[in-house]
N, C-alpha and C. Protein backbone atom coordinates (compact mmCIF):
# COMPACT_ATOMS: atom_id res chain seq x y z
N UNK A 1 120.43 96.41 105.37
CA UNK A 1 120.45 95.59 104.15
C UNK A 1 121.58 94.56 104.15
N UNK A 2 122.71 94.92 104.76
CA UNK A 2 123.83 93.97 104.79
C UNK A 2 123.51 92.77 105.66
N UNK A 3 122.80 92.98 106.74
CA UNK A 3 122.42 91.86 107.60
C UNK A 3 121.49 90.92 106.84
N UNK A 4 120.55 91.46 106.10
CA UNK A 4 119.64 90.62 105.31
C UNK A 4 120.41 89.81 104.28
N UNK A 5 121.38 90.43 103.64
CA UNK A 5 122.21 89.72 102.66
C UNK A 5 122.98 88.60 103.34
N UNK A 6 123.55 88.89 104.48
CA UNK A 6 124.31 87.87 105.21
C UNK A 6 123.42 86.71 105.65
N UNK A 7 122.22 87.03 106.11
CA UNK A 7 121.29 85.98 106.53
C UNK A 7 120.87 85.11 105.34
N UNK A 8 120.65 85.75 104.21
CA UNK A 8 120.28 85.00 103.02
C UNK A 8 121.43 84.08 102.58
N UNK A 9 122.65 84.61 102.60
CA UNK A 9 123.82 83.79 102.26
C UNK A 9 123.98 82.64 103.26
N UNK A 10 123.77 82.94 104.53
CA UNK A 10 123.85 81.90 105.55
C UNK A 10 122.81 80.82 105.30
N UNK A 11 121.60 81.24 104.96
CA UNK A 11 120.55 80.27 104.65
C UNK A 11 120.94 79.34 103.50
N UNK A 12 121.55 79.91 102.47
CA UNK A 12 121.99 79.10 101.33
C UNK A 12 123.06 78.10 101.75
N UNK A 13 124.00 78.56 102.54
CA UNK A 13 125.08 77.67 103.00
C UNK A 13 124.55 76.57 103.91
N UNK A 14 123.65 76.93 104.81
CA UNK A 14 123.07 75.93 105.70
C UNK A 14 122.29 74.88 104.91
N UNK A 15 121.55 75.32 103.92
CA UNK A 15 120.79 74.39 103.09
C UNK A 15 121.71 73.42 102.37
N UNK A 16 122.83 73.92 101.89
CA UNK A 16 123.77 73.06 101.18
C UNK A 16 124.38 71.99 102.08
N UNK A 17 124.42 72.26 103.38
CA UNK A 17 124.98 71.27 104.30
C UNK A 17 123.89 70.43 104.95
N UNK A 18 122.64 70.58 104.48
CA UNK A 18 121.55 69.76 104.98
C UNK A 18 120.88 70.29 106.24
N UNK A 19 121.25 71.46 106.66
CA UNK A 19 120.66 72.04 107.88
C UNK A 19 119.46 72.90 107.48
N UNK A 20 118.42 72.23 107.02
CA UNK A 20 117.28 72.90 106.40
C UNK A 20 116.47 73.75 107.36
N UNK A 21 116.29 73.30 108.57
CA UNK A 21 115.52 74.07 109.54
C UNK A 21 116.20 75.40 109.85
N UNK A 22 117.49 75.35 110.05
CA UNK A 22 118.25 76.57 110.31
C UNK A 22 118.29 77.48 109.07
N UNK A 23 118.35 76.87 107.90
CA UNK A 23 118.34 77.64 106.66
C UNK A 23 117.02 78.38 106.51
N UNK A 24 115.93 77.71 106.83
CA UNK A 24 114.61 78.33 106.75
C UNK A 24 114.51 79.52 107.71
N UNK A 25 114.99 79.35 108.92
CA UNK A 25 114.96 80.43 109.90
C UNK A 25 115.76 81.64 109.43
N UNK A 26 116.94 81.40 108.90
CA UNK A 26 117.78 82.50 108.42
C UNK A 26 117.09 83.25 107.28
N UNK A 27 116.49 82.51 106.37
CA UNK A 27 115.85 83.15 105.23
C UNK A 27 114.60 83.91 105.66
N UNK A 28 113.87 83.39 106.63
CA UNK A 28 112.71 84.12 107.14
C UNK A 28 113.13 85.45 107.76
N UNK A 29 114.23 85.45 108.47
CA UNK A 29 114.73 86.69 109.06
C UNK A 29 115.14 87.68 107.97
N UNK A 30 115.76 87.19 106.92
CA UNK A 30 116.16 88.07 105.82
C UNK A 30 114.93 88.70 105.17
N UNK A 31 113.89 87.92 104.98
CA UNK A 31 112.65 88.44 104.38
C UNK A 31 112.04 89.51 105.27
N UNK A 32 112.00 89.27 106.57
CA UNK A 32 111.44 90.26 107.49
C UNK A 32 112.18 91.59 107.40
N UNK A 33 113.50 91.53 107.38
CA UNK A 33 114.30 92.76 107.28
C UNK A 33 114.04 93.46 105.95
N UNK A 34 114.03 92.70 104.89
CA UNK A 34 113.85 93.32 103.58
C UNK A 34 112.45 93.87 103.39
N UNK A 35 111.46 93.26 104.02
CA UNK A 35 110.10 93.82 103.95
C UNK A 35 110.06 95.19 104.62
N UNK A 36 110.71 95.30 105.77
CA UNK A 36 110.74 96.60 106.47
C UNK A 36 111.46 97.65 105.61
N UNK A 37 112.57 97.26 105.01
CA UNK A 37 113.31 98.19 104.17
C UNK A 37 112.48 98.62 102.95
N UNK A 38 111.78 97.67 102.35
CA UNK A 38 110.99 97.95 101.15
C UNK A 38 109.80 98.85 101.46
N UNK A 39 109.30 98.82 102.67
CA UNK A 39 108.20 99.72 103.02
C UNK A 39 108.64 101.17 102.93
N UNK A 40 109.85 101.44 103.37
CA UNK A 40 110.35 102.82 103.37
C UNK A 40 110.89 103.26 102.02
N UNK A 41 111.42 102.33 101.24
CA UNK A 41 112.02 102.69 99.96
C UNK A 41 111.85 101.53 98.98
N UNK A 42 110.63 101.37 98.43
CA UNK A 42 110.36 100.23 97.55
C UNK A 42 111.30 100.13 96.35
N UNK A 43 111.60 101.23 95.73
CA UNK A 43 112.44 101.18 94.52
C UNK A 43 113.82 100.61 94.82
N UNK A 44 114.33 100.89 95.98
CA UNK A 44 115.68 100.43 96.32
C UNK A 44 115.69 98.99 96.82
N UNK A 45 114.63 98.56 97.50
CA UNK A 45 114.72 97.29 98.22
C UNK A 45 113.79 96.17 97.72
N UNK A 46 112.81 96.48 96.89
CA UNK A 46 111.93 95.42 96.41
C UNK A 46 112.65 94.35 95.59
N UNK A 47 113.64 94.71 94.75
CA UNK A 47 114.34 93.64 94.02
C UNK A 47 115.00 92.62 94.95
N UNK A 48 115.63 93.10 96.01
CA UNK A 48 116.26 92.17 96.96
C UNK A 48 115.21 91.40 97.75
N UNK A 49 114.09 92.05 98.06
CA UNK A 49 113.00 91.34 98.74
C UNK A 49 112.49 90.21 97.86
N UNK A 50 112.36 90.47 96.58
CA UNK A 50 111.91 89.42 95.66
C UNK A 50 112.86 88.23 95.67
N UNK A 51 114.14 88.49 95.69
CA UNK A 51 115.13 87.41 95.75
C UNK A 51 115.02 86.62 97.04
N UNK A 52 114.83 87.32 98.13
CA UNK A 52 114.69 86.63 99.42
C UNK A 52 113.41 85.81 99.47
N UNK A 53 112.34 86.34 98.89
CA UNK A 53 111.09 85.58 98.86
C UNK A 53 111.23 84.31 98.02
N UNK A 54 111.98 84.42 96.94
CA UNK A 54 112.25 83.25 96.11
C UNK A 54 113.04 82.20 96.90
N UNK A 55 114.08 82.66 97.59
CA UNK A 55 114.86 81.74 98.42
C UNK A 55 114.01 81.13 99.52
N UNK A 56 113.13 81.93 100.11
CA UNK A 56 112.25 81.42 101.16
C UNK A 56 111.34 80.34 100.60
N UNK A 57 110.83 80.55 99.41
CA UNK A 57 110.00 79.53 98.76
C UNK A 57 110.74 78.22 98.57
N UNK A 58 111.99 78.31 98.20
CA UNK A 58 112.82 77.11 98.03
C UNK A 58 113.00 76.41 99.37
N UNK A 59 113.32 77.18 100.40
CA UNK A 59 113.53 76.60 101.74
C UNK A 59 112.24 75.96 102.26
N UNK A 60 111.09 76.60 102.02
CA UNK A 60 109.82 76.02 102.44
C UNK A 60 109.55 74.71 101.70
N UNK A 61 109.84 74.68 100.41
CA UNK A 61 109.64 73.46 99.63
C UNK A 61 110.54 72.34 100.14
N UNK A 62 111.77 72.67 100.48
CA UNK A 62 112.69 71.67 101.02
C UNK A 62 112.19 71.12 102.35
N UNK A 63 111.45 71.96 103.08
CA UNK A 63 110.91 71.53 104.37
C UNK A 63 109.56 70.84 104.21
N UNK A 64 109.14 70.64 102.97
CA UNK A 64 107.86 69.97 102.72
C UNK A 64 106.65 70.87 102.89
N UNK A 65 106.88 72.17 102.88
CA UNK A 65 105.80 73.14 103.06
C UNK A 65 105.55 73.88 101.75
N UNK A 66 105.07 73.15 100.78
CA UNK A 66 104.81 73.74 99.46
C UNK A 66 103.60 74.61 99.54
């Protein structure tokens, strides 16, 4: 879970500096990790997965992939 958090934070920082492609990649990795975690323990990890999915949606929109 800490790696997913770090990747999500990295994605946000990269996006703020205009490095959108790298931000998208970082957020996609965070979503993948959180999906795996949520499969085993939905109650503990679905809220964070939802946050990562929201961030991923933002990164996709920034990349013109609405």
